[in-house]
Structures are given as C-alpha cells and as structure tokens.
N, C-alpha and C. Protein backbone atom coordinates (compact mmCIF):
# COMPACT_ATOMS: atom_id res chain seq x y z
N MET A 1 0.99 -1.20 0.21
CA MET A 1 -0.01 -0.19 0.13
C MET A 1 0.81 1.05 -0.02
N SER A 2 0.82 1.94 -0.83
CA SER A 2 1.37 3.35 -0.92
C SER A 2 1.32 4.30 0.20
N PRO A 3 2.29 5.01 0.17
CA PRO A 3 2.17 5.97 1.45
C PRO A 3 1.16 6.84 1.40
N SER A 4 1.14 7.18 0.19
CA SER A 4 0.09 8.20 -0.23
C SER A 4 -1.38 8.06 0.02
N VAL A 5 -1.69 7.05 0.35
CA VAL A 5 -3.21 6.43 0.72
C VAL A 5 -3.36 6.85 2.31
N THR A 6 -4.06 7.53 2.77
CA THR A 6 -4.49 7.94 4.00
C THR A 6 -5.75 7.09 4.58
N LYS A 7 -5.86 7.41 5.78
CA LYS A 7 -6.96 7.11 6.74
C LYS A 7 -8.20 7.41 6.26
N GLU A 8 -8.14 8.56 5.87
CA GLU A 8 -9.37 9.44 5.14
C GLU A 8 -9.98 8.53 3.93
N HIS A 9 -8.67 8.25 3.13
CA HIS A 9 -8.82 7.70 1.79
C HIS A 9 -9.68 6.06 1.85
N ILE A 10 -9.07 5.40 3.00
CA ILE A 10 -9.72 3.80 3.31
C ILE A 10 -11.00 4.03 3.86
N VAL A 11 -11.13 5.11 4.47
CA VAL A 11 -12.54 5.13 5.26
C VAL A 11 -13.72 5.75 4.18
N GLU A 12 -13.39 6.44 3.27
CA GLU A 12 -14.16 6.63 2.10
C GLU A 12 -14.65 5.50 1.28
N ILE A 13 -13.45 4.61 1.03
CA ILE A 13 -13.78 3.55 0.07
C ILE A 13 -14.57 2.54 1.24
N PHE A 14 -14.16 2.07 2.10
CA PHE A 14 -14.48 0.70 2.66
C PHE A 14 -15.99 1.40 3.76
N SER A 15 -16.28 2.63 3.70
CA SER A 15 -17.06 2.79 4.80
C SER A 15 -18.57 2.23 3.86
N ALA A 16 -18.13 2.20 2.22
CA ALA A 16 -19.55 1.92 1.32
C ALA A 16 -19.97 0.67 1.76
N TYR A 17 -19.63 -0.17 2.79
CA TYR A 17 -20.26 -1.43 3.29
C TYR A 17 -20.40 -1.61 4.63
N GLY A 18 -20.31 -0.41 5.25
CA GLY A 18 -20.66 -0.65 6.65
C GLY A 18 -20.20 0.90 7.47
N SER A 19 -20.80 0.85 8.21
CA SER A 19 -20.09 1.78 9.80
C SER A 19 -18.63 1.13 10.23
N ILE A 20 -17.72 2.04 10.05
CA ILE A 20 -16.37 1.36 10.53
C ILE A 20 -15.95 1.87 11.83
N SER A 21 -15.38 1.27 13.00
CA SER A 21 -15.11 1.83 14.06
C SER A 21 -13.75 2.21 14.31
N SER A 22 -12.75 1.67 13.19
CA SER A 22 -11.38 2.07 13.17
C SER A 22 -10.61 1.62 12.38
N VAL A 23 -9.56 2.32 11.84
CA VAL A 23 -8.59 2.24 10.59
C VAL A 23 -7.25 2.30 11.47
N GLU A 24 -6.21 1.24 11.08
CA GLU A 24 -4.82 1.54 11.87
C GLU A 24 -4.17 0.84 10.61
N PHE A 25 -3.07 1.54 10.22
CA PHE A 25 -2.25 1.44 9.33
C PHE A 25 -0.97 0.70 10.27
N VAL A 26 -0.50 -0.57 9.36
CA VAL A 26 0.74 -1.17 10.31
C VAL A 26 1.78 -1.36 8.97
N ASN A 27 3.15 -1.30 9.45
CA ASN A 27 4.14 -1.57 8.56
C ASN A 27 4.98 -2.79 8.69
N HIS A 28 5.07 -3.68 8.08
CA HIS A 28 5.74 -4.87 8.06
C HIS A 28 7.05 -4.92 7.36
N GLU A 29 8.21 -5.99 7.69
CA GLU A 29 9.40 -5.76 7.06
C GLU A 29 9.32 -7.07 6.02
N LYS A 30 9.79 -6.74 4.79
CA LYS A 30 9.74 -7.79 4.06
C LYS A 30 11.02 -8.62 4.12
N THR A 31 11.30 -9.94 3.67
CA THR A 31 12.44 -10.28 3.66
C THR A 31 13.70 -10.02 3.20
N ASP A 32 13.34 -9.26 2.08
CA ASP A 32 14.35 -8.70 1.16
C ASP A 32 14.62 -7.17 1.79
N GLY A 33 14.47 -6.90 3.18
CA GLY A 33 14.54 -5.40 3.86
C GLY A 33 13.56 -4.83 3.66
N GLY A 34 12.65 -4.45 2.64
CA GLY A 34 12.13 -3.40 2.23
C GLY A 34 10.71 -3.41 3.35
N LEU A 35 10.27 -2.46 3.24
CA LEU A 35 8.74 -2.59 3.84
C LEU A 35 7.41 -2.81 3.11
N TYR A 36 6.36 -3.25 3.83
CA TYR A 36 5.24 -3.24 3.21
C TYR A 36 4.08 -2.99 3.85
N ARG A 37 3.12 -2.32 3.79
CA ARG A 37 2.07 -1.60 4.55
C ARG A 37 0.63 -2.32 4.47
N CYS A 38 0.26 -2.59 5.70
CA CYS A 38 -1.28 -3.06 5.41
C CYS A 38 -1.96 -2.29 6.53
N MET A 39 -3.31 -2.67 6.36
CA MET A 39 -4.29 -1.73 7.34
C MET A 39 -5.28 -2.92 7.80
N LEU A 40 -5.48 -2.52 8.98
CA LEU A 40 -6.54 -3.11 9.84
C LEU A 40 -8.07 -1.85 10.05
N ILE A 41 -8.82 -2.65 9.44
CA ILE A 41 -10.28 -1.70 9.42
C ILE A 41 -11.12 -2.48 10.41
N THR A 42 -11.58 -2.17 11.30
CA THR A 42 -12.78 -2.72 12.04
C THR A 42 -14.07 -2.09 11.69
N TYR A 43 -15.08 -3.04 11.49
CA TYR A 43 -16.49 -2.66 11.31
C TYR A 43 -17.09 -2.83 12.62
N HIS A 44 -18.34 -2.03 12.92
CA HIS A 44 -19.16 -2.25 14.17
C HIS A 44 -19.85 -3.63 14.04
N LYS A 45 -20.23 -3.93 12.80
CA LYS A 45 -20.66 -5.33 12.25
C LYS A 45 -20.31 -6.31 11.74
N LEU A 46 -20.17 -7.65 12.04
CA LEU A 46 -19.63 -8.65 11.10
C LEU A 46 -20.36 -8.54 9.60
N PRO A 47 -21.33 -8.50 9.36
CA PRO A 47 -21.72 -8.53 7.91
C PRO A 47 -21.51 -7.60 7.13
N ASP A 48 -21.13 -6.45 7.57
CA ASP A 48 -20.50 -5.19 6.88
C ASP A 48 -18.72 -5.65 6.54
N ALA A 49 -18.38 -6.18 7.48
CA ALA A 49 -16.99 -6.58 7.04
C ALA A 49 -16.46 -7.69 6.14
N GLN A 50 -17.65 -8.76 6.27
CA GLN A 50 -18.12 -9.58 5.26
C GLN A 50 -18.19 -9.22 3.69
N LYS A 51 -18.88 -8.09 3.75
CA LYS A 51 -19.37 -7.38 2.32
C LYS A 51 -18.12 -7.00 2.06
N ALA A 52 -17.24 -6.31 2.86
CA ALA A 52 -16.21 -5.39 2.78
C ALA A 52 -15.14 -6.58 1.98
N VAL A 53 -15.15 -7.74 2.33
CA VAL A 53 -14.23 -9.02 1.82
C VAL A 53 -14.71 -9.28 0.61
N LYS A 54 -15.75 -9.41 0.34
CA LYS A 54 -16.56 -10.21 -0.98
C LYS A 54 -16.40 -9.12 -2.21
N TYR A 55 -16.20 -8.12 -1.78
CA TYR A 55 -16.41 -6.84 -2.88
C TYR A 55 -14.96 -6.16 -3.06
N MET A 56 -14.25 -6.18 -1.82
CA MET A 56 -12.64 -5.53 -2.13
C MET A 56 -11.61 -6.50 -2.39
N ASP A 57 -11.73 -7.79 -1.87
CA ASP A 57 -10.63 -8.85 -1.95
C ASP A 57 -10.39 -8.60 -3.56
N GLY A 58 -9.05 -8.60 -3.80
CA GLY A 58 -8.53 -8.27 -5.27
C GLY A 58 -8.68 -7.10 -5.78
N GLY A 59 -9.43 -6.41 -5.44
CA GLY A 59 -9.76 -5.00 -5.98
C GLY A 59 -8.35 -3.86 -6.01
N MET A 60 -8.56 -2.92 -6.25
CA MET A 60 -7.38 -2.02 -6.47
C MET A 60 -7.54 -0.43 -6.00
N ILE A 61 -6.44 -0.29 -5.03
CA ILE A 61 -6.13 0.90 -4.55
C ILE A 61 -4.93 1.75 -4.73
N ASP A 62 -4.91 2.75 -5.12
CA ASP A 62 -3.69 3.33 -5.88
C ASP A 62 -2.98 2.78 -6.55
N LYS A 63 -3.43 2.05 -7.73
CA LYS A 63 -2.76 1.28 -8.61
C LYS A 63 -2.18 -0.25 -8.10
N ASN A 64 -2.68 -0.45 -6.85
CA ASN A 64 -2.00 -1.73 -6.02
C ASN A 64 -3.17 -2.54 -6.01
N GLU A 65 -2.88 -4.08 -6.43
CA GLU A 65 -3.90 -5.08 -6.05
C GLU A 65 -3.75 -5.09 -4.56
N ILE A 66 -5.16 -5.34 -4.05
CA ILE A 66 -5.29 -5.49 -2.69
C ILE A 66 -5.69 -6.87 -1.96
N THR A 67 -5.58 -7.31 -1.11
CA THR A 67 -6.05 -8.53 -0.38
C THR A 67 -6.73 -8.22 0.83
N VAL A 68 -8.24 -8.81 1.13
CA VAL A 68 -8.97 -8.39 1.91
C VAL A 68 -9.46 -9.72 2.86
N ALA A 69 -9.39 -9.82 4.06
CA ALA A 69 -9.38 -10.99 4.47
C ALA A 69 -9.82 -10.62 5.97
N LEU A 70 -10.82 -11.64 6.49
CA LEU A 70 -11.29 -11.51 7.73
C LEU A 70 -10.15 -11.73 8.91
N HIS A 71 -10.15 -11.04 10.01
CA HIS A 71 -9.21 -11.45 11.44
C HIS A 71 -10.23 -11.28 12.32
N LYS A 72 -10.37 -12.35 12.78
CA LYS A 72 -11.31 -12.53 13.98
C LYS A 72 -10.61 -11.92 15.38
N THR A 73 -11.05 -10.93 16.08
CA THR A 73 -10.49 -10.38 17.13
C THR A 73 -11.26 -10.81 18.43
N SER A 74 -10.56 -11.02 19.52
CA SER A 74 -11.02 -11.03 21.10
C SER A 74 -11.80 -10.17 21.62
N SER A 75 -13.21 -10.48 21.75
CA SER A 75 -14.01 -9.19 22.32
C SER A 75 -15.09 -9.66 23.09
C-alpha cells in the first residue's frame, strides 16, 4: 500500500460496506529488507466486514491490488 493512501481515503472507500469503528496502518518488514504496509479496518458489524471482503478482495487501491480478509478479534 502506497504511503500516499491516507486513513481518510480508506474510510471513504470501505465505509460503502458499513460503519467503521477504526482504521489502523501497520508496517511490516519484507524478507528483502523493504517494507510493506497493511491496514486493519474494524467494522461495527460482522456482516459489513464480510461485504467488504466479498467486494474488495482483489480490488485496486492506488494502482495496487489488495487482499482483504477477515481477522477475528477477541472481544
């Protein structure tokens, strides 16, 4: 994910699927020493998150193909 993609940009795109409670960006180190950027989007309702996965997995943001998957949190 490009550094030019902002939290506001992500909220604008992903709020089409439901009410978002938070967006967090996380940087991870690649094995070649570079970094990749991922985001954690939390929805208020599970069905909204499931819609986001259905429609956005394999989609494009800022000319980059994205992977969208559910991650169960403890709450």
